[in-house]
Amino acid sequence: MLQICLTLAIFIILVIPMGKYLYNIATFQKTFADKAFNSIDNSIYKVCGINQSEEMSWKQYALSLILTNAVMVFVGYLVLRLQNIHVFNPNGIEGMDASLSFNTIISFMTNTNLQHYAGESGLSYLSQMGVICYMMFTSAATGYAASIAFIRGLVGKKKTMGNFYVDMIRITTRVLLPLAFIVGLILVSQGTPQTFNATQTITTIEGKLQDIPQGPVAAIESIKHLGTNGGGFFGANSSHPFENPTIISNIVELLSMMILPGAIVVMFGHMLSNKKQGWAIFAAMGAIFIIGLSVCFLAENAGNPILADLGLNQSMGNMEGKEIRFGIAQSTLFTTVTTSFTTGTVNNMHDSLTPIGGLVPLVNMMLNVVFGGKGVGLMNMIMYAILTVFLCGLMVGRTPEFLSKKIEGKEMKLIALVIILHPLLILGFSSLALVSPEGISNPGFHGLTQVLYEFTSSAANNGSGFEGLVDNTLFWNTTSGIVMFYGRYLSIVILLAVSSSLAHKNHVNKSIGTLRTDNLTFTVVLVLVVLIIGALTFFPALALGPIAEHLTLWF
């Protein structure tokens, strides 16, 4: 418990200055490192022909975002398909097949990092660095840029959304690259390898041969967590001792996942010139996070009654699928953080969680508002805040207002579309998978949970998995790729349209009947609305999966 409290305390301390720094970058104010970064940024603008003073409408911004990502998808797909002929391939790894390449490139471009392959045996070093690591930077920067444009519309000081290329470059050069370098050095100091040497075959003390894979692990691990990406260099992800060697590296990886998504919420308050509003949203996210963490921790501490009946001591809790060096506390914290901040990295096997313990990461991804990835979680929570204002306005018979802008039919139709999209992707494709149960290893309640988890992780652009599915098939590669694509880009585009609509509206003066959205009352109502909408949408599916499995296990 001390480890959990210490990690969360450090997180709160770090997000305040980081939020201010992100605010300065988003609003082009002076920072301590401008002399170094301005020359780098200007060189990139010159080479790429970017006019940094050019402003974009929401349509231009969205189109630039999608086209830029599309070009990277095309190039990355070719590299994966042809990686057998590239340099930096000392292990002689063959090119990926078509469906797996499609799934992988969509996965990493959408900041999902769902992996239907084992990195140490499925990718060359060039693919790891030139595709995987590269897209971990660009997908994170894309999400950040979208959130900045979204907030600019809400602030409403101008009708344009900024410049996508400038936003993407500034967050990459001024935040992601420097932080990734620092975190990478810390991980190397803890024992994470950073090398281009080939896999080594050694003789164990038992006299048997064992392959020890190596590679540029630290570079990928740092941006994997800072960019809320989650794709591991090794198939075992952050439970592998090369990716996560010590308790110190574990805490560093936790904080790396949390700091930027949390700081973006603080930045939101600065951009509104209303810090209370930012902290109200932060408190709502934090409340849901703490509820989930508590439930997961208590469920895993309760142990497995089946193992207890067999005479196995469960005093340590459910240690199946967990690393001894992390234990229940760091495993449940990691599980809750990685699915709340939509990172997807794992330091334990989620498939081995207790039914209720496994329900928590599922619910985190189904809600998709608990901090989330780079800015996307904030955008989704603001969407629910607008919905909350609308519902409260209906109850008191007033035109709803949010941030001094009237919420009208156009905004609510777009928001309703985004709210419907998420469960439609999850439940619709889960139904399709159950009709043709290809690759489902468990025919019972747990099998349904595995399917739900796969598509929930894809739709939320999380990337973690229950790993009980035989998922590297044409069906799973194609369907999860489609879900990842629409789960990422449709919601971003629609929410940019909502923001632009509000930006074009006149400010409404506050009155005695205006619902305040920066106090504790609104925070509580917002949390309740999020949980109620989530329960109404997903409870039937959860009842047939982890809840039914829990009742069967205990009763």
Protein backbone atom coordinates (compact mmCIF):
# COMPACT_ATOMS: atom_id res chain seq x y z
CA MET A 1 0.00 0.00 0.00
CA LEU A 2 2.91 2.33 0.73
CA GLN A 3 4.24 1.71 -2.79
CA ILE A 4 0.85 2.56 -4.29
CA CYS A 5 0.42 5.74 -2.22
CA LEU A 6 3.99 6.86 -2.93
CA THR A 7 3.58 6.39 -6.69
CA LEU A 8 0.29 8.30 -6.78
CA ALA A 9 1.74 11.10 -4.62
CA ILE A 10 4.71 11.53 -6.99
CA PHE A 11 2.25 11.58 -9.90
CA ILE A 12 0.25 14.46 -8.38
CA ILE A 13 3.44 16.40 -7.68
CA LEU A 14 4.77 15.97 -11.23
CA VAL A 15 1.61 16.79 -13.20
CA ILE A 16 1.40 20.37 -11.90
CA PRO A 17 4.66 21.72 -13.42
CA MET A 18 4.28 19.46 -16.45
CA GLY A 19 0.78 20.81 -17.07
CA LYS A 20 2.12 24.36 -16.97
CA TYR A 21 4.91 23.41 -19.38
CA LEU A 22 2.44 21.84 -21.83
CA TYR A 23 0.32 24.98 -21.59
CA ASN A 24 3.31 27.13 -22.55
CA ILE A 25 4.00 24.90 -25.54
CA ALA A 26 0.36 24.89 -26.70
CA THR A 27 0.04 28.67 -26.44
CA PHE A 28 3.53 29.44 -27.82
CA GLN A 29 4.71 31.11 -24.63
CA LYS A 30 8.33 31.21 -23.57
CA THR A 31 9.91 28.17 -21.96
CA PHE A 32 13.33 27.57 -20.47
CA ALA A 33 14.50 25.54 -23.48
CA ASP A 34 13.33 27.72 -26.38
CA LYS A 35 16.85 28.59 -27.51
CA ALA A 36 17.61 24.94 -28.13
CA PHE A 37 14.26 23.85 -29.52
CA ASN A 38 13.42 26.85 -31.72
CA SER A 39 16.32 26.16 -34.07
CA ILE A 40 15.37 22.47 -34.31
CA ASP A 41 11.70 23.25 -35.00
CA ASN A 42 12.52 25.93 -37.56
CA SER A 43 14.80 23.54 -39.43
CA ILE A 44 11.99 20.97 -39.61
CA TYR A 45 9.51 23.63 -40.81
CA LYS A 46 11.94 24.68 -43.53
CA VAL A 47 12.68 21.15 -44.75
CA CYS A 48 9.01 20.15 -44.75
CA GLY A 49 7.76 23.44 -46.21
CA ILE A 50 5.50 24.17 -43.23
CA ASN A 51 4.14 27.69 -42.78
CA GLN A 52 3.96 27.89 -38.99
CA SER A 53 1.76 31.00 -39.08
CA GLU A 54 -0.94 29.27 -41.16
CA GLU A 55 -4.16 28.56 -39.26
CA MET A 56 -6.49 25.64 -40.06
CA SER A 57 -10.24 25.15 -39.80
CA TRP A 58 -11.39 21.99 -38.02
CA LYS A 59 -11.89 20.25 -41.37
CA GLN A 60 -8.40 21.17 -42.56
CA TYR A 61 -6.95 20.12 -39.22
CA ALA A 62 -8.72 16.75 -39.27
CA LEU A 63 -7.80 16.14 -42.92
CA SER A 64 -4.12 16.96 -42.27
CA LEU A 65 -4.15 14.58 -39.30
CA ILE A 66 -5.67 11.71 -41.26
CA LEU A 67 -3.55 12.16 -44.40
CA THR A 68 -0.31 12.40 -42.41
CA ASN A 69 -1.17 9.23 -40.55
CA ALA A 70 -2.18 7.52 -43.81
CA VAL A 71 1.22 8.19 -45.40
CA MET A 72 2.99 6.73 -42.37
CA VAL A 73 0.70 3.68 -42.47
CA PHE A 74 1.59 3.04 -46.12
CA VAL A 75 5.34 3.34 -45.60
CA GLY A 76 5.28 1.30 -42.39
CA TYR A 77 3.26 -1.47 -44.03
CA LEU A 78 5.86 -1.81 -46.77
CA VAL A 79 8.71 -2.00 -44.24
CA LEU A 80 6.96 -4.79 -42.31
CA ARG A 81 6.20 -6.78 -45.43
CA LEU A 82 9.76 -6.45 -46.76
CA GLN A 83 11.72 -6.54 -43.49
CA ASN A 84 13.54 -9.74 -44.51
CA ILE A 85 15.66 -7.79 -47.04
CA HIS A 86 16.48 -4.84 -44.79
CA VAL A 87 19.56 -4.06 -42.77
CA PHE A 88 19.57 -4.35 -38.96
CA ASN A 89 18.15 -7.85 -39.17
CA PRO A 90 20.86 -9.98 -37.55
CA ASN A 91 18.38 -12.72 -36.61
CA GLY A 92 17.20 -13.18 -40.20
CA ILE A 93 13.50 -12.57 -39.44
CA GLU A 94 11.15 -12.99 -42.41
CA GLY A 95 8.63 -10.41 -43.60
CA MET A 96 5.19 -10.29 -41.98
CA ASP A 97 2.21 -11.73 -43.81
CA ALA A 98 -0.44 -9.39 -45.18
CA SER A 99 -3.15 -9.61 -42.50
CA LEU A 100 -0.69 -9.36 -39.60
CA SER A 101 1.08 -6.41 -41.25
CA PHE A 102 -2.30 -4.69 -41.68
CA ASN A 103 -3.20 -5.26 -38.05
CA THR A 104 0.20 -4.20 -36.74
CA ILE A 105 0.50 -0.99 -38.73
CA ILE A 106 -3.06 0.12 -37.87
CA SER A 107 -2.43 -0.83 -34.26
CA PHE A 108 0.65 1.32 -33.85
CA MET A 109 -0.60 4.27 -35.89
CA THR A 110 -3.76 4.48 -33.80
CA ASN A 111 -1.74 4.44 -30.54
CA THR A 112 -3.26 1.05 -29.71
CA ASN A 113 -0.21 -1.23 -29.98
CA LEU A 114 -2.23 -4.41 -29.88
CA GLN A 115 0.25 -7.16 -30.73
CA HIS A 116 -0.69 -10.40 -32.45
CA TYR A 117 3.00 -11.32 -32.66
CA ALA A 118 6.00 -11.67 -30.32
CA GLY A 119 8.38 -8.76 -30.90
CA GLU A 120 11.60 -10.66 -30.34
CA SER A 121 10.77 -13.20 -33.06
CA GLY A 122 8.42 -11.27 -35.35
CA LEU A 123 10.29 -8.05 -36.07
CA SER A 124 13.75 -7.06 -37.27
CA TYR A 125 15.62 -4.32 -35.42
CA LEU A 126 14.90 -1.95 -38.32
CA SER A 127 11.17 -2.63 -38.01
CA GLN A 128 11.35 -2.17 -34.24
CA MET A 129 13.07 1.20 -34.59
CA GLY A 130 11.87 2.51 -37.96
CA VAL A 131 8.23 1.48 -37.65
CA ILE A 132 7.29 0.59 -34.08
CA CYS A 133 9.37 3.17 -32.20
CA TYR A 134 8.75 5.86 -34.81
CA MET A 135 4.99 5.40 -34.69
CA MET A 136 5.03 5.42 -30.91
CA PHE A 137 6.24 9.02 -31.18
CA THR A 138 3.98 10.10 -34.03
CA SER A 139 0.77 8.47 -32.78
CA ALA A 140 1.24 10.06 -29.34
CA ALA A 141 1.96 13.45 -30.92
CA THR A 142 -1.14 13.06 -33.11
CA GLY A 143 -3.38 12.51 -30.09
CA TYR A 144 -1.83 15.46 -28.29
CA ALA A 145 -2.32 17.73 -31.32
CA ALA A 146 -5.98 16.72 -31.60
CA SER A 147 -6.59 17.50 -27.93
CA ILE A 148 -4.91 20.90 -28.26
CA ALA A 149 -7.11 21.78 -31.24
CA PHE A 150 -10.16 20.56 -29.33
CA ILE A 151 -9.36 22.76 -26.31
CA ARG A 152 -8.72 25.80 -28.52
CA GLY A 153 -12.23 25.44 -29.87
CA LEU A 154 -13.68 25.22 -26.36
CA VAL A 155 -11.76 28.30 -25.26
CA GLY A 156 -13.25 30.03 -28.31
CA LYS A 157 -10.83 32.91 -28.62
CA LYS A 158 -10.59 32.31 -32.36
CA LYS A 159 -12.48 30.31 -34.94
CA THR A 160 -9.49 28.32 -36.23
CA MET A 161 -7.93 25.31 -34.54
CA GLY A 162 -4.22 26.06 -34.97
CA ASN A 163 -1.82 24.20 -37.24
CA PHE A 164 -1.64 20.40 -36.98
CA TYR A 165 1.92 20.11 -38.27
CA VAL A 166 3.24 22.74 -35.86
CA ASP A 167 1.46 21.17 -32.88
CA MET A 168 2.74 17.71 -33.76
CA ILE A 169 6.34 18.87 -34.21
CA ARG A 170 6.41 20.95 -31.02
CA ILE A 171 5.15 18.18 -28.74
CA THR A 172 7.61 15.73 -30.31
CA THR A 173 10.73 17.87 -30.06
CA ARG A 174 9.96 19.65 -26.78
CA VAL A 175 8.31 16.89 -24.74
CA LEU A 176 8.39 13.36 -26.12
CA LEU A 177 12.00 13.19 -27.32
CA PRO A 178 13.65 14.78 -24.24
CA LEU A 179 11.56 12.78 -21.77
CA ALA A 180 12.09 9.55 -23.71
CA PHE A 181 15.87 10.12 -23.59
CA ILE A 182 15.79 10.66 -19.81
CA VAL A 183 13.54 7.67 -19.11
CA GLY A 184 15.62 5.51 -21.47
CA LEU A 185 18.80 6.29 -19.51
CA ILE A 186 17.06 5.41 -16.23
CA LEU A 187 15.93 2.07 -17.65
CA VAL A 188 19.42 1.29 -18.95
CA SER A 189 20.77 2.00 -15.46
CA GLN A 190 18.33 -0.62 -14.11
CA GLY A 191 19.45 -3.30 -16.58
CA THR A 192 17.28 -2.79 -19.68
CA PRO A 193 19.42 -3.60 -22.75
CA GLN A 194 20.08 -1.13 -25.56
CA THR A 195 22.05 -2.89 -28.28
CA PHE A 196 21.95 -4.09 -31.86
CA ASN A 197 23.58 -7.43 -31.07
CA ALA A 198 21.86 -10.56 -32.33
CA THR A 199 20.15 -13.16 -30.15
CA GLN A 200 22.72 -15.08 -28.10
CA THR A 201 22.55 -18.81 -27.45
CA ILE A 202 23.96 -19.79 -24.07
CA THR A 203 24.39 -22.99 -22.09
CA THR A 204 22.41 -22.99 -18.85
CA ILE A 205 23.60 -24.46 -15.54
CA GLU A 206 21.50 -27.53 -16.42
CA GLY A 207 23.59 -28.00 -19.55
CA LYS A 208 20.78 -27.03 -21.93
CA LEU A 209 20.81 -24.37 -24.66
CA GLN A 210 18.72 -21.21 -24.33
CA ASP A 211 18.25 -18.27 -26.70
CA ILE A 212 18.62 -14.83 -25.07
CA PRO A 213 17.06 -12.16 -27.32
CA GLN A 214 18.45 -8.63 -27.16
CA GLY A 215 17.96 -5.40 -29.05
CA PRO A 216 17.26 -1.66 -28.70
CA VAL A 217 14.85 -2.32 -25.83
CA ALA A 218 15.35 0.79 -23.65
CA ALA A 219 14.62 3.21 -26.51
CA ILE A 220 11.30 1.53 -27.22
CA GLU A 221 10.38 1.07 -23.55
CA SER A 222 10.73 4.77 -22.77
CA ILE A 223 8.41 6.08 -25.50
CA LYS A 224 6.18 3.03 -25.13
CA HIS A 225 5.12 4.35 -21.72
CA LEU A 226 5.50 8.10 -22.20
CA GLY A 227 3.40 7.95 -25.36
CA THR A 228 0.81 5.65 -23.72
CA ASN A 229 1.57 3.17 -26.47
CA GLY A 230 2.16 -0.16 -24.72
CA GLY A 231 3.66 -2.33 -27.43
CA GLY A 232 6.43 -4.44 -25.95
CA PHE A 233 9.77 -5.37 -27.51
CA PHE A 234 9.19 -8.86 -26.09
CA GLY A 235 6.02 -10.92 -26.14
CA ALA A 236 5.90 -10.92 -22.33
CA ASN A 237 5.86 -7.10 -22.37
CA SER A 238 6.75 -5.37 -19.08
CA SER A 239 6.68 -8.62 -17.13
CA HIS A 240 9.89 -9.54 -19.01
CA PRO A 241 12.99 -8.78 -16.89
CA PHE A 242 14.69 -7.04 -19.82
CA GLU A 243 11.76 -4.64 -20.26
CA ASN A 244 11.11 -4.11 -16.56
CA PRO A 245 14.06 -5.35 -14.46
CA THR A 246 13.42 -3.87 -10.99
CA ILE A 247 10.85 -2.25 -8.73
CA ILE A 248 12.46 1.11 -9.58
CA SER A 249 11.97 0.56 -13.31
CA ASN A 250 8.39 -0.50 -12.57
CA ILE A 251 7.62 2.76 -10.76
CA VAL A 252 9.37 4.79 -13.48
CA GLU A 253 7.25 3.07 -16.13
CA LEU A 254 4.09 3.72 -14.11
CA LEU A 255 4.88 7.42 -13.77
CA SER A 256 5.83 7.62 -17.44
CA MET A 257 2.38 6.33 -18.38
CA MET A 258 0.60 8.73 -16.06
CA ILE A 259 2.40 12.04 -16.25
CA LEU A 260 1.44 13.41 -19.68
CA PRO A 261 -2.25 12.36 -19.74
CA GLY A 262 -2.62 13.84 -16.25
CA ALA A 263 -0.71 16.99 -17.19
CA ILE A 264 -2.97 17.58 -20.20
CA VAL A 265 -5.93 17.94 -17.83
CA VAL A 266 -3.97 20.51 -15.80
CA MET A 267 -3.07 22.26 -19.08
CA PHE A 268 -6.79 22.37 -19.90
CA GLY A 269 -7.44 24.45 -16.79
CA HIS A 270 -4.62 26.85 -17.68
CA MET A 271 -5.93 27.32 -21.23
CA LEU A 272 -9.39 28.14 -19.89
CA SER A 273 -7.87 30.57 -17.37
CA ASN A 274 -9.87 28.57 -14.85
CA LYS A 275 -7.72 26.11 -12.91
CA LYS A 276 -10.73 25.00 -10.88
CA GLN A 277 -12.36 23.67 -14.05
CA GLY A 278 -9.30 21.60 -14.86
CA TRP A 279 -9.11 20.20 -11.35
CA ALA A 280 -12.84 19.38 -11.38
CA ILE A 281 -12.31 17.20 -14.45
CA PHE A 282 -9.12 15.79 -12.91
CA ALA A 283 -11.01 14.90 -9.72
CA ALA A 284 -13.74 13.09 -11.69
CA MET A 285 -11.15 11.01 -13.53
CA GLY A 286 -9.24 10.40 -10.30
CA ALA A 287 -12.36 9.23 -8.45
CA ILE A 288 -13.15 6.59 -11.07
CA PHE A 289 -9.49 5.54 -11.09
CA ILE A 290 -9.37 5.08 -7.30
CA ILE A 291 -12.62 3.08 -7.34
CA GLY A 292 -11.22 0.74 -9.98
CA LEU A 293 -7.85 0.38 -8.24
CA SER A 294 -9.50 -0.46 -4.92
CA VAL A 295 -11.77 -3.10 -6.45
CA CYS A 296 -8.90 -4.72 -8.38
CA PHE A 297 -6.59 -4.69 -5.35
CA LEU A 298 -9.20 -6.25 -3.05
CA ALA A 299 -10.20 -8.86 -5.63
CA GLU A 300 -6.62 -10.03 -6.20
CA ASN A 301 -5.86 -10.03 -2.49
CA ALA A 302 -8.84 -12.33 -1.89
CA GLY A 303 -7.06 -15.10 -3.80
CA ASN A 304 -8.50 -17.99 -5.78
CA PRO A 305 -11.01 -20.17 -3.89
CA ILE A 306 -10.40 -23.15 -6.20
CA LEU A 307 -6.69 -23.15 -5.34
CA ALA A 308 -7.56 -22.70 -1.67
CA ASP A 309 -9.79 -25.80 -1.84
CA LEU A 310 -6.82 -27.72 -3.21
CA GLY A 311 -4.86 -26.82 -0.08
CA LEU A 312 -2.69 -24.09 -1.60
CA ASN A 313 -1.99 -21.14 0.67
CA GLN A 314 -3.69 -17.99 -0.64
CA SER A 315 -2.38 -15.61 2.02
CA MET A 316 -0.36 -13.77 -0.66
CA GLY A 317 -3.47 -13.39 -2.79
CA ASN A 318 -3.92 -14.47 -6.40
CA MET A 319 -0.31 -14.69 -7.59
CA GLU A 320 -1.10 -16.66 -10.73
CA GLY A 321 0.36 -14.82 -13.73
CA LYS A 322 2.18 -12.25 -11.59
CA GLU A 323 5.85 -11.51 -11.01
CA ILE A 324 7.14 -12.20 -7.51
CA ARG A 325 9.26 -9.05 -7.65
CA PHE A 326 6.13 -6.90 -8.07
CA GLY A 327 3.49 -8.74 -6.04
CA ILE A 328 -0.20 -7.89 -5.75
CA ALA A 329 0.23 -4.17 -5.04
CA GLN A 330 2.40 -3.23 -8.03
CA SER A 331 0.55 -5.65 -10.31
CA THR A 332 -2.92 -4.26 -9.57
CA LEU A 333 -1.65 -0.68 -9.75
CA PHE A 334 -0.01 -1.42 -13.10
CA THR A 335 -3.18 -3.12 -14.36
CA THR A 336 -5.38 -0.18 -13.37
CA VAL A 337 -2.98 2.46 -14.68
CA THR A 338 -2.35 0.79 -18.03
CA THR A 339 -6.09 0.50 -18.79
CA SER A 340 -7.04 3.88 -17.28
CA PHE A 341 -4.35 5.77 -19.17
CA THR A 342 -4.96 3.55 -22.24
CA THR A 343 -1.35 2.42 -22.49
CA GLY A 344 -1.79 -1.33 -22.85
CA THR A 345 1.55 -2.41 -21.42
CA VAL A 346 1.31 -5.18 -18.81
CA ASN A 347 3.53 -6.42 -15.98
CA ASN A 348 1.28 -9.40 -15.23
CA MET A 349 -1.02 -11.71 -17.19
CA HIS A 350 -4.47 -10.09 -17.30
CA ASP A 351 -5.94 -13.42 -18.36
CA SER A 352 -4.94 -14.78 -14.93
CA LEU A 353 -6.68 -12.06 -12.92
CA THR A 354 -9.64 -13.04 -10.79
CA PRO A 355 -12.99 -12.43 -12.55
CA ILE A 356 -13.63 -9.17 -10.66
CA GLY A 357 -9.98 -8.18 -10.96
CA GLY A 358 -10.28 -8.66 -14.72
CA LEU A 359 -13.54 -6.71 -14.78
CA VAL A 360 -11.75 -3.54 -13.66
CA PRO A 361 -9.49 -3.13 -16.74
CA LEU A 362 -12.48 -4.02 -18.92
CA VAL A 363 -14.60 -1.28 -17.36
CA ASN A 364 -11.76 1.25 -17.55
CA MET A 365 -11.52 0.71 -21.30
CA MET A 366 -15.28 0.59 -21.80
CA LEU A 367 -15.65 3.98 -20.11
CA ASN A 368 -12.54 5.30 -21.92
CA VAL A 369 -12.52 8.56 -19.93
CA VAL A 370 -10.23 7.79 -16.98
CA PHE A 371 -7.36 10.08 -18.06
CA GLY A 372 -6.94 8.06 -21.26
CA GLY A 373 -4.07 8.37 -23.71
CA LYS A 374 -2.53 11.52 -25.10
CA GLY A 375 -5.46 13.93 -24.85
CA VAL A 376 -8.10 11.53 -26.14
CA GLY A 377 -9.24 10.65 -22.61
CA LEU A 378 -9.69 14.35 -21.85
CA MET A 379 -11.69 14.84 -25.05
CA ASN A 380 -13.99 11.95 -24.10
CA MET A 381 -14.46 13.25 -20.54
CA ILE A 382 -15.32 16.73 -21.83
CA MET A 383 -17.87 15.03 -24.06
CA TYR A 384 -19.46 13.52 -20.95
CA ALA A 385 -19.24 16.89 -19.19
CA ILE A 386 -21.26 18.46 -22.01
CA LEU A 387 -23.76 15.59 -21.76
CA THR A 388 -23.99 16.15 -17.99
CA VAL A 389 -24.68 19.86 -18.48
CA PHE A 390 -27.32 19.01 -21.08
CA LEU A 391 -29.11 16.54 -18.79
CA CYS A 392 -28.99 18.93 -15.84
CA GLY A 393 -30.32 21.72 -18.04
CA LEU A 394 -33.28 19.57 -19.07
CA MET A 395 -34.11 18.85 -15.44
CA VAL A 396 -34.30 22.54 -14.48
CA GLY A 397 -35.80 23.76 -17.75
CA ARG A 398 -32.85 25.91 -18.89
CA THR A 399 -30.80 26.01 -22.05
CA PRO A 400 -27.63 24.13 -21.07
CA GLU A 401 -24.35 26.01 -21.12
CA PHE A 402 -20.77 24.79 -20.90
CA LEU A 403 -17.83 27.16 -20.60
CA SER A 404 -20.19 30.07 -21.37
CA LYS A 405 -21.37 28.50 -24.64
CA LYS A 406 -24.91 27.25 -25.31
CA ILE A 407 -25.22 23.53 -25.92
CA GLU A 408 -27.77 22.97 -28.66
CA GLY A 409 -29.08 20.22 -30.91
CA LYS A 410 -26.13 20.06 -33.30
CA GLU A 411 -23.58 19.43 -30.53
CA MET A 412 -25.77 16.85 -28.80
CA LYS A 413 -26.35 14.89 -32.00
CA LEU A 414 -22.60 14.68 -32.60
CA ILE A 415 -21.90 13.72 -28.99
CA ALA A 416 -24.62 11.06 -29.07
CA LEU A 417 -22.94 9.65 -32.18
CA VAL A 418 -19.58 9.36 -30.39
CA ILE A 419 -21.17 7.78 -27.31
CA ILE A 420 -22.96 5.20 -29.47
CA LEU A 421 -19.87 4.47 -31.60
CA HIS A 422 -17.76 3.00 -28.78
CA PRO A 423 -20.21 0.28 -27.60
CA LEU A 424 -21.27 -0.38 -31.21
CA LEU A 425 -17.71 -1.33 -32.14
CA ILE A 426 -17.19 -3.43 -29.00
CA LEU A 427 -20.51 -5.26 -28.80
CA GLY A 428 -21.12 -5.52 -32.53
CA PHE A 429 -17.79 -7.14 -33.33
CA SER A 430 -17.93 -9.30 -30.18
CA SER A 431 -21.25 -10.67 -31.42
CA LEU A 432 -19.70 -11.37 -34.80
CA ALA A 433 -16.81 -13.23 -33.16
CA LEU A 434 -19.17 -15.36 -31.07
CA VAL A 435 -21.20 -16.34 -34.14
CA SER A 436 -17.98 -17.65 -35.71
CA PRO A 437 -15.98 -18.64 -32.60
CA GLU A 438 -12.60 -18.86 -34.31
CA GLY A 439 -9.65 -18.93 -31.93
CA ILE A 440 -11.68 -18.84 -28.70
CA SER A 441 -9.82 -21.15 -26.32
CA ASN A 442 -12.41 -21.17 -23.52
CA PRO A 443 -16.05 -22.03 -24.28
CA GLY A 444 -17.35 -20.76 -20.92
CA PHE A 445 -17.84 -17.36 -19.32
CA HIS A 446 -14.11 -16.67 -19.48
CA GLY A 447 -14.14 -17.16 -23.25
CA LEU A 448 -16.76 -14.40 -23.60
CA THR A 449 -14.60 -12.15 -21.44
CA GLN A 450 -11.61 -12.84 -23.69
CA VAL A 451 -13.59 -11.76 -26.75
CA LEU A 452 -15.00 -8.68 -25.02
CA TYR A 453 -11.52 -7.72 -23.84
CA GLU A 454 -10.03 -8.01 -27.34
CA PHE A 455 -12.51 -5.65 -28.96
CA THR A 456 -12.76 -3.33 -25.95
CA SER A 457 -8.98 -2.94 -25.97
CA SER A 458 -9.08 -2.29 -29.72
CA ALA A 459 -11.92 0.25 -29.60
CA ALA A 460 -10.34 2.11 -26.66
CA ASN A 461 -6.96 2.09 -28.46
CA ASN A 462 -5.44 0.40 -25.42
CA GLY A 463 -3.72 -2.70 -26.77
CA SER A 464 -3.58 -4.97 -23.74
CA GLY A 465 -5.05 -8.44 -24.09
CA PHE A 466 -6.26 -11.45 -22.15
CA GLU A 467 -4.01 -13.51 -24.42
CA GLY A 468 -6.29 -16.55 -24.29
CA LEU A 469 -7.32 -16.07 -27.90
CA VAL A 470 -5.60 -17.61 -30.91
CA ASP A 471 -5.65 -14.16 -32.46
CA ASN A 472 -3.08 -14.16 -35.27
CA THR A 473 -5.59 -15.20 -37.92
CA LEU A 474 -7.21 -13.42 -40.85
CA PHE A 475 -10.43 -12.94 -38.88
CA TRP A 476 -8.92 -11.46 -35.73
CA ASN A 477 -6.28 -9.40 -37.55
CA THR A 478 -8.88 -7.86 -39.85
CA THR A 479 -11.71 -7.26 -37.39
CA SER A 480 -9.56 -5.82 -34.61
CA GLY A 481 -7.77 -3.64 -37.19
CA ILE A 482 -11.11 -2.19 -38.33
CA VAL A 483 -12.19 -1.56 -34.73
CA MET A 484 -8.90 0.18 -33.90
CA PHE A 485 -9.16 2.42 -36.96
CA TYR A 486 -12.73 3.60 -36.41
CA GLY A 487 -12.31 3.77 -32.64
CA ARG A 488 -9.46 6.23 -33.12
CA TYR A 489 -10.28 8.48 -36.03
CA LEU A 490 -14.07 8.76 -36.05
CA SER A 491 -14.22 9.98 -32.45
CA ILE A 492 -11.39 12.48 -33.00
CA VAL A 493 -13.00 13.95 -36.12
CA ILE A 494 -16.48 14.19 -34.58
CA LEU A 495 -15.22 15.81 -31.38
CA LEU A 496 -13.21 18.35 -33.41
CA ALA A 497 -16.48 19.19 -35.16
CA VAL A 498 -18.15 19.68 -31.75
CA SER A 499 -15.33 21.95 -30.61
CA SER A 500 -15.50 24.01 -33.80
CA SER A 501 -19.25 24.41 -33.43
CA LEU A 502 -18.79 25.80 -29.92
CA ALA A 503 -15.94 28.05 -31.07
CA HIS A 504 -18.28 29.85 -33.46
CA LYS A 505 -20.81 30.66 -30.74
CA ASN A 506 -20.97 33.87 -28.76
CA HIS A 507 -20.19 33.84 -25.07
CA VAL A 508 -23.20 33.79 -22.78
CA ASN A 509 -23.05 35.87 -19.63
CA LYS A 510 -23.33 33.88 -16.44
CA SER A 511 -26.49 34.29 -14.41
CA ILE A 512 -27.92 33.02 -11.13
CA GLY A 513 -29.29 30.00 -13.00
CA THR A 514 -26.01 29.04 -14.67
CA LEU A 515 -24.80 25.57 -13.68
CA ARG A 516 -21.27 25.83 -12.37
CA THR A 517 -18.98 23.15 -13.77
CA ASP A 518 -15.90 23.83 -11.66
CA ASN A 519 -17.05 22.67 -8.23
CA LEU A 520 -17.42 19.46 -6.25
CA THR A 521 -21.13 19.10 -6.99
CA PHE A 522 -20.55 18.99 -10.73
CA THR A 523 -17.65 16.55 -10.28
CA VAL A 524 -19.90 14.12 -8.38
CA VAL A 525 -22.70 14.42 -10.95
CA LEU A 526 -20.21 13.91 -13.80
CA VAL A 527 -18.86 10.72 -12.22
CA LEU A 528 -22.40 9.40 -11.74
CA VAL A 529 -23.36 10.16 -15.35
CA VAL A 530 -20.27 8.38 -16.66
CA LEU A 531 -20.91 5.31 -14.50
CA ILE A 532 -24.64 5.19 -15.26
CA ILE A 533 -24.15 5.48 -19.03
CA GLY A 534 -21.44 2.83 -18.85
CA ALA A 535 -23.58 0.51 -16.73
CA LEU A 536 -26.63 0.84 -18.97
CA THR A 537 -24.51 0.12 -22.03
CA PHE A 538 -22.18 -2.67 -20.96
CA PHE A 539 -23.67 -4.34 -17.87
CA PRO A 540 -25.50 -7.12 -19.79
CA ALA A 541 -22.26 -8.18 -21.49
CA LEU A 542 -20.31 -7.97 -18.24
CA ALA A 543 -22.99 -10.00 -16.46
CA LEU A 544 -22.49 -12.83 -18.95
CA GLY A 545 -18.70 -12.65 -18.68
CA PRO A 546 -16.67 -11.75 -15.58
CA ILE A 547 -19.64 -11.37 -13.21
CA ALA A 548 -21.07 -14.79 -14.08
CA GLU A 549 -17.58 -16.29 -13.81
CA HIS A 550 -17.15 -14.72 -10.36
CA LEU A 551 -20.48 -16.10 -9.11
CA THR A 552 -19.60 -19.55 -10.45
CA LEU A 553 -16.16 -19.41 -8.84
CA TRP A 554 -17.31 -18.38 -5.38
CA PHE A 555 -20.78 -19.89 -5.13
